[in-house]
N, C-alpha and C. Protein backbone atom coordinates (compact mmCIF):
# COMPACT_ATOMS: atom_id res chain seq x y z
N MET A 1 3.67 -29.89 -4.01
CA MET A 1 3.08 -28.85 -4.01
C MET A 1 1.52 -29.50 -2.93
N ASN A 2 0.65 -28.59 -2.72
CA ASN A 2 -0.54 -29.12 -1.75
C ASN A 2 -1.18 -30.04 -2.42
N SER A 3 -1.39 -31.15 -1.58
CA SER A 3 -2.15 -32.21 -1.87
C SER A 3 -3.65 -32.10 -1.73
N LEU A 4 -4.13 -31.38 -1.27
CA LEU A 4 -5.47 -31.12 -1.23
C LEU A 4 -6.62 -31.25 -2.29
N PRO A 5 -7.91 -31.50 -2.37
CA PRO A 5 -8.19 -31.61 -3.32
C PRO A 5 -8.81 -30.27 -3.43
N LEU A 6 -9.23 -29.51 -4.98
CA LEU A 6 -9.22 -28.27 -4.99
C LEU A 6 -10.35 -27.47 -4.40
N GLN A 7 -11.16 -28.18 -4.19
CA GLN A 7 -12.48 -27.45 -3.40
C GLN A 7 -11.86 -27.18 -2.24
N GLU A 8 -11.24 -28.21 -1.43
CA GLU A 8 -10.64 -27.71 -0.19
C GLU A 8 -9.59 -26.92 -0.21
N ASN A 9 -8.51 -26.84 -1.26
CA ASN A 9 -7.63 -25.81 -1.38
C ASN A 9 -8.24 -24.30 -1.42
N LEU A 10 -9.78 -24.54 -1.92
CA LEU A 10 -10.11 -22.78 -2.36
C LEU A 10 -11.15 -22.51 -1.10
N LYS A 11 -11.21 -23.35 -0.34
CA LYS A 11 -12.33 -23.07 0.89
C LYS A 11 -11.57 -21.70 1.66
N LYS A 12 -10.43 -21.63 2.03
CA LYS A 12 -9.86 -20.54 2.47
C LYS A 12 -10.25 -18.93 1.92
N TYR A 13 -10.44 -18.72 0.46
CA TYR A 13 -10.88 -17.67 0.13
C TYR A 13 -12.13 -17.57 0.27
N THR A 14 -13.33 -18.29 0.65
CA THR A 14 -14.52 -18.36 0.47
C THR A 14 -15.04 -17.87 2.04
N ALA A 15 -14.02 -17.83 3.20
CA ALA A 15 -14.50 -17.22 4.11
C ALA A 15 -14.26 -15.86 4.00
N ILE A 16 -15.46 -14.89 3.82
CA ILE A 16 -14.90 -13.62 3.62
C ILE A 16 -14.73 -13.05 4.87
N GLU A 17 -15.30 -13.42 6.14
CA GLU A 17 -14.53 -12.38 7.28
C GLU A 17 -13.19 -12.65 7.86
N SER A 18 -12.59 -14.10 7.57
CA SER A 18 -11.33 -14.45 7.73
C SER A 18 -10.33 -14.84 6.51
N CYS A 19 -10.54 -14.58 5.50
CA CYS A 19 -9.68 -14.55 4.36
C CYS A 19 -8.77 -13.27 4.62
N PRO A 20 -7.44 -14.00 4.49
CA PRO A 20 -6.12 -12.68 4.65
C PRO A 20 -6.34 -12.01 3.47
N VAL A 21 -6.54 -12.63 2.46
CA VAL A 21 -6.23 -11.88 0.88
C VAL A 21 -7.54 -10.53 0.87
N ARG A 22 -8.57 -10.77 1.32
CA ARG A 22 -9.59 -10.04 1.26
C ARG A 22 -9.73 -8.93 2.35
N ASN A 23 -8.95 -9.33 3.64
CA ASN A 23 -9.19 -8.46 4.63
C ASN A 23 -8.01 -7.92 5.03
N VAL A 24 -6.66 -8.31 4.55
CA VAL A 24 -5.50 -7.63 4.53
C VAL A 24 -4.50 -6.88 3.26
N ILE A 25 -4.40 -8.28 2.78
CA ILE A 25 -3.64 -7.98 1.68
C ILE A 25 -4.38 -6.71 0.59
N SER A 26 -5.59 -6.82 0.60
CA SER A 26 -6.20 -6.00 -0.67
C SER A 26 -6.23 -4.65 0.31
N ARG A 27 -6.11 -4.47 1.17
CA ARG A 27 -6.25 -2.95 1.51
C ARG A 27 -4.73 -2.36 1.73
N PHE A 28 -3.61 -3.03 1.45
CA PHE A 28 -2.28 -2.04 1.08
C PHE A 28 -2.04 -2.55 -0.36
N SER A 29 -2.62 -3.47 -1.28
CA SER A 29 -2.11 -3.84 -2.34
C SER A 29 -2.65 -3.20 -3.65
N GLY A 30 -3.52 -2.08 -3.37
CA GLY A 30 -4.35 -0.96 -4.18
C GLY A 30 -3.15 -0.34 -4.94
N LYS A 31 -3.43 0.64 -5.88
CA LYS A 31 -2.49 1.52 -6.68
C LYS A 31 -1.93 2.26 -5.73
N TRP A 32 -3.09 2.96 -4.71
CA TRP A 32 -2.50 4.28 -3.95
C TRP A 32 -2.21 3.78 -2.82
N ALA A 33 -2.55 3.09 -2.10
CA ALA A 33 -1.78 2.46 -0.79
C ALA A 33 -0.31 2.29 -0.60
N MET A 34 0.05 1.13 -1.99
CA MET A 34 1.08 0.84 -1.87
C MET A 34 2.20 2.41 -2.47
N LEU A 35 1.87 2.83 -3.33
CA LEU A 35 2.17 4.21 -3.66
C LEU A 35 3.15 4.70 -2.11
N ILE A 36 1.68 5.07 -1.66
CA ILE A 36 1.80 5.98 -0.40
C ILE A 36 2.71 5.29 0.63
N LEU A 37 2.62 4.05 0.93
CA LEU A 37 3.86 3.21 1.43
C LEU A 37 5.17 3.62 1.29
N CYS A 38 5.32 3.40 0.10
CA CYS A 38 6.88 3.49 -0.69
C CYS A 38 7.27 5.26 -0.17
N VAL A 39 6.41 6.01 -0.49
CA VAL A 39 6.66 7.28 -0.15
C VAL A 39 6.86 7.46 1.40
N LEU A 40 6.31 7.13 2.14
CA LEU A 40 6.54 6.89 3.68
C LEU A 40 7.79 6.21 4.06
N SER A 41 8.02 4.82 3.50
CA SER A 41 9.36 4.40 3.72
C SER A 41 10.41 5.00 3.32
N GLU A 42 10.41 5.94 2.41
CA GLU A 42 11.46 6.81 2.14
C GLU A 42 11.68 7.95 3.01
N ASN A 43 10.66 8.60 3.91
CA ASN A 43 10.96 9.53 4.32
C ASN A 43 10.63 9.00 5.85
N GLU A 44 11.24 9.83 6.91
CA GLU A 44 11.22 9.92 8.26
C GLU A 44 9.50 9.77 8.90
N CYS A 45 9.29 11.25 8.77
CA CYS A 45 7.73 11.81 8.52
C CYS A 45 7.69 12.74 7.52
N ILE A 46 6.47 12.65 7.16
CA ILE A 46 6.20 13.43 5.93
C ILE A 46 4.66 14.31 6.12
N ARG A 47 4.68 15.40 5.53
CA ARG A 47 3.65 15.84 5.53
C ARG A 47 2.34 15.58 4.22
N PHE A 48 1.39 15.79 4.61
CA PHE A 48 -0.15 15.33 3.74
C PHE A 48 0.42 16.21 2.32
N ASN A 49 0.83 17.40 1.89
CA ASN A 49 0.73 18.17 1.40
C ASN A 49 2.25 17.24 0.14
N ALA A 50 3.21 17.06 1.27
CA ALA A 50 4.47 16.45 0.51
C ALA A 50 4.11 15.19 -0.25
N ILE A 51 3.05 14.26 0.27
CA ILE A 51 2.71 13.03 -0.12
C ILE A 51 2.26 13.28 -1.66
N GLY A 52 1.60 14.23 -1.38
CA GLY A 52 0.52 14.42 -2.41
C GLY A 52 1.43 14.87 -3.51
N LYS A 53 2.14 16.17 -3.28
CA LYS A 53 3.15 16.37 -4.87
C LYS A 53 4.14 15.26 -5.11
N ALA A 54 4.52 14.25 -4.03
CA ALA A 54 5.22 13.03 -4.35
C ALA A 54 4.42 12.05 -5.42
N ILE A 55 3.35 12.04 -5.33
CA ILE A 55 2.01 11.10 -6.04
C ILE A 55 1.05 12.12 -6.45
N PRO A 56 1.45 12.85 -7.66
CA PRO A 56 0.73 14.37 -8.13
C PRO A 56 -0.40 13.58 -8.73
N ASP A 57 -0.75 12.55 -9.42
CA ASP A 57 -2.42 11.85 -9.77
C ASP A 57 -2.99 11.65 -8.42
N ILE A 58 -2.95 11.56 -7.41
CA ILE A 58 -3.80 10.92 -6.29
C ILE A 58 -4.82 12.39 -6.12
N SER A 59 -6.25 12.14 -5.73
CA SER A 59 -6.69 13.19 -5.33
C SER A 59 -6.37 13.78 -3.96
N PRO A 60 -6.79 14.87 -3.56
CA PRO A 60 -6.86 14.90 -1.87
C PRO A 60 -7.67 14.07 -1.25
N LYS A 61 -8.68 13.65 -1.50
CA LYS A 61 -9.81 13.14 -1.21
C LYS A 61 -9.59 11.69 -1.19
N VAL A 62 -8.85 10.90 -1.79
CA VAL A 62 -8.38 9.51 -2.42
C VAL A 62 -7.41 9.60 -1.37
N LEU A 63 -6.48 10.45 -1.13
CA LEU A 63 -5.34 10.37 -0.48
C LEU A 63 -5.55 10.22 1.00
N THR A 64 -6.52 11.29 1.53
CA THR A 64 -7.07 11.30 2.77
C THR A 64 -7.52 9.96 3.13
N GLU A 65 -8.51 9.37 2.47
CA GLU A 65 -9.14 8.24 2.63
C GLU A 65 -8.22 6.87 2.55
N THR A 66 -7.46 7.17 1.92
CA THR A 66 -6.09 6.11 2.00
C THR A 66 -5.24 6.02 3.18
N LEU A 67 -4.89 7.19 3.70
CA LEU A 67 -4.18 7.59 4.61
C LEU A 67 -4.67 7.13 6.01
N LYS A 68 -6.14 7.20 5.67
CA LYS A 68 -7.17 6.91 7.16
C LYS A 68 -7.12 5.54 7.17
N ASN A 69 -7.44 4.80 5.70
CA ASN A 69 -7.46 3.57 6.18
C ASN A 69 -6.12 2.52 6.69
N LEU A 70 -4.95 3.44 5.92
CA LEU A 70 -3.56 2.43 6.24
C LEU A 70 -3.33 3.02 8.06
N GLU A 71 -3.86 4.04 8.51
CA GLU A 71 -3.96 4.22 9.88
C GLU A 71 -4.91 3.59 10.71
N ALA A 72 -5.80 3.22 10.43
CA ALA A 72 -6.80 2.23 11.07
C ALA A 72 -6.51 0.65 11.23
N ASP A 73 -5.41 0.64 10.04
CA ASP A 73 -4.75 -0.95 10.14
C ASP A 73 -3.55 -0.81 10.63
N GLY A 74 -2.97 0.42 11.38
CA GLY A 74 -2.04 0.09 12.14
C GLY A 74 -0.54 0.35 11.15
N LEU A 75 -0.79 0.64 10.19
CA LEU A 75 0.46 0.82 9.07
C LEU A 75 1.41 2.22 9.46
N VAL A 76 0.23 3.03 9.54
CA VAL A 76 0.47 4.53 9.43
C VAL A 76 0.11 4.97 10.71
N ASN A 77 0.99 6.19 11.39
CA ASN A 77 1.00 6.88 12.13
C ASN A 77 0.52 8.02 11.66
N ARG A 78 -0.36 9.26 12.32
CA ARG A 78 -0.65 10.69 11.97
C ARG A 78 -0.43 10.94 13.31
N LYS A 79 0.16 12.35 13.03
CA LYS A 79 0.38 13.37 14.41
C LYS A 79 0.15 14.27 14.03
N LEU A 80 -0.80 14.73 14.65
CA LEU A 80 -1.11 16.30 14.80
C LEU A 80 -0.21 17.01 15.85
N TYR A 81 0.16 17.96 15.28
CA TYR A 81 0.36 19.28 16.15
C TYR A 81 -0.36 20.47 16.33
N ALA A 82 -0.38 20.92 17.47
CA ALA A 82 -1.24 21.93 18.05
C ALA A 82 -0.69 23.22 17.40
N GLU A 83 -0.90 23.65 16.30
CA GLU A 83 -0.58 24.76 15.91
C GLU A 83 -1.08 25.48 15.27
N ILE A 84 -1.20 26.76 14.74
CA ILE A 84 -1.93 27.41 13.64
C ILE A 84 -0.93 28.08 12.51
N PRO A 85 -1.19 27.62 11.41
CA PRO A 85 -2.17 26.60 11.32
C PRO A 85 -1.88 25.14 11.44
N PRO A 86 -2.74 24.12 11.62
CA PRO A 86 -2.51 22.62 12.08
C PRO A 86 -1.24 22.08 11.17
N ARG A 87 -0.54 21.20 11.86
CA ARG A 87 0.65 20.77 11.14
C ARG A 87 0.29 18.90 11.43
N VAL A 88 0.16 18.24 10.49
CA VAL A 88 0.06 17.00 10.34
C VAL A 88 0.82 16.08 9.75
N GLU A 89 1.74 15.02 10.48
CA GLU A 89 2.86 14.90 9.82
C GLU A 89 2.33 12.70 9.70
N TYR A 90 2.73 12.18 8.75
CA TYR A 90 2.27 10.97 9.04
C TYR A 90 3.90 10.16 8.45
N SER A 91 3.93 8.67 9.15
CA SER A 91 5.08 7.76 9.07
C SER A 91 4.62 6.28 9.46
N LEU A 92 5.52 5.63 9.03
CA LEU A 92 5.17 4.49 9.10
C LEU A 92 5.09 3.87 10.56
N THR A 93 4.40 2.93 11.01
CA THR A 93 4.59 2.36 12.28
C THR A 93 5.65 1.02 12.07
N ALA A 94 5.67 0.51 13.29
CA ALA A 94 6.78 -0.83 13.06
C ALA A 94 6.03 -1.31 12.38
N LEU A 95 4.55 -1.83 12.44
CA LEU A 95 4.01 -2.91 11.62
C LEU A 95 4.19 -2.31 9.98
N GLY A 96 4.13 -1.43 9.72
CA GLY A 96 4.24 -0.72 8.39
C GLY A 96 5.41 -0.86 7.99
N LYS A 97 6.68 -0.66 8.59
CA LYS A 97 8.01 -1.18 8.27
C LYS A 97 8.29 -2.13 7.96
N SER A 98 7.35 -3.13 8.68
CA SER A 98 8.08 -4.54 8.50
C SER A 98 6.90 -5.25 7.10
N LEU A 99 6.40 -4.38 6.46
CA LEU A 99 5.87 -4.52 5.08
C LEU A 99 6.84 -3.85 3.84
N ILE A 100 7.42 -3.22 4.40
CA ILE A 100 8.36 -2.59 3.16
C ILE A 100 9.34 -3.80 2.52
N PRO A 101 9.76 -4.65 2.93
CA PRO A 101 10.58 -5.49 2.54
C PRO A 101 9.64 -6.24 1.53
N VAL A 102 8.74 -6.63 1.77
CA VAL A 102 7.80 -7.51 1.06
C VAL A 102 7.29 -6.53 -0.22
N ILE A 103 7.04 -5.58 0.04
CA ILE A 103 6.66 -4.84 -1.06
C ILE A 103 7.67 -4.43 -1.78
N GLY A 104 9.27 -3.95 -1.40
CA GLY A 104 10.41 -3.88 -2.20
C GLY A 104 10.81 -5.21 -3.01
N THR A 105 10.51 -6.43 -2.26
CA THR A 105 10.40 -7.31 -3.23
C THR A 105 9.42 -7.47 -4.71
N MET A 106 8.49 -7.22 -4.24
CA MET A 106 7.35 -6.72 -5.49
C MET A 106 7.89 -5.94 -6.44
N ILE A 107 8.11 -4.63 -5.86
CA ILE A 107 8.94 -3.50 -6.69
C ILE A 107 10.09 -4.09 -7.78
N GLU A 108 11.03 -5.10 -7.11
CA GLU A 108 11.91 -5.50 -7.79
C GLU A 108 11.66 -6.73 -8.90
N TRP A 109 10.51 -7.42 -8.54
CA TRP A 109 9.72 -8.29 -9.60
C TRP A 109 9.11 -7.35 -10.62
N ALA A 110 8.40 -6.37 -10.13
CA ALA A 110 7.56 -5.30 -11.28
C ALA A 110 8.85 -4.59 -12.17
N ILE A 111 9.89 -4.31 -12.12
CA ILE A 111 11.17 -3.81 -12.67
C ILE A 111 11.73 -4.68 -13.36
N SER A 112 11.57 -5.84 -12.75
CA SER A 112 12.18 -7.18 -13.84
C SER A 112 11.37 -7.29 -15.10
N ASN A 113 10.27 -7.40 -14.77
CA ASN A 113 9.31 -8.01 -15.69
C ASN A 113 8.63 -6.77 -16.53
N PHE A 114 8.73 -5.73 -16.17
CA PHE A 114 7.95 -4.56 -16.76
C PHE A 114 7.99 -4.72 -17.99
N GLU A 115 8.83 -4.82 -18.95
CA GLU A 115 9.28 -4.53 -20.49
C GLU A 115 8.23 -5.93 -21.20
N THR A 116 8.36 -6.98 -20.40
CA THR A 116 7.73 -8.17 -21.06
C THR A 116 6.13 -7.71 -20.77
N ILE A 117 6.02 -7.35 -19.73
CA ILE A 117 4.26 -7.19 -19.28
C ILE A 117 3.87 -6.19 -20.35
N ALA A 118 4.37 -5.09 -20.37
CA ALA A 118 4.43 -3.74 -21.24
C ALA A 118 4.24 -4.29 -23.07
N HIS A 119 5.09 -5.11 -23.13
CA HIS A 119 5.16 -5.81 -24.47
C HIS A 119 4.09 -6.37 -24.95
N ARG A 120 3.31 -7.25 -23.61
CA ARG A 120 2.45 -8.29 -24.13
C ARG A 120 1.00 -7.56 -24.15
N ARG A 121 0.75 -6.22 -23.27
CA ARG A 121 0.09 -5.11 -23.08
C ARG A 121 -0.21 -4.43 -24.49
N GLY A 122 1.20 -4.13 -25.33
CA GLY A 122 0.95 -3.63 -26.50
C GLY A 122 1.61 -2.49 -26.44
N VAL A 123 2.18 -1.94 -24.87
CA VAL A 123 2.45 -0.61 -24.69
C VAL A 123 3.95 -0.54 -25.35
N THR A 124 4.48 0.40 -26.19
CA THR A 124 5.43 0.39 -26.39
C THR A 124 5.91 1.71 -26.41
N GLU A 125 7.29 1.96 -26.08
CA GLU A 125 7.95 3.87 -25.92
C GLU A 125 8.46 4.14 -27.35
């Protein structure tokens, strides 16, 4: 494993500006971003309201904010059509598509371990 002393090993997390966990992973690992990325991965392009219907417990404000963050990070494309009323479609960028296999692995792990974790939380059906 890692032979660095504990303090040296943990240093990478203390550099606020350069920590990948704080600055990259945390942006897409939240509850909503992960679900939105999954919805986008299953659709070539999709409109805002369709994403909202696929994730009915997300508010329009949070959906808008999360999509803006994902777009700013280069994971999502937003295409505005000059129509009346305006039509906006979202899709994954190449960078976003490259993240989907990683998310897929996490989803497989969650499915495989859900019962154990739910049991430990005291959640029963």
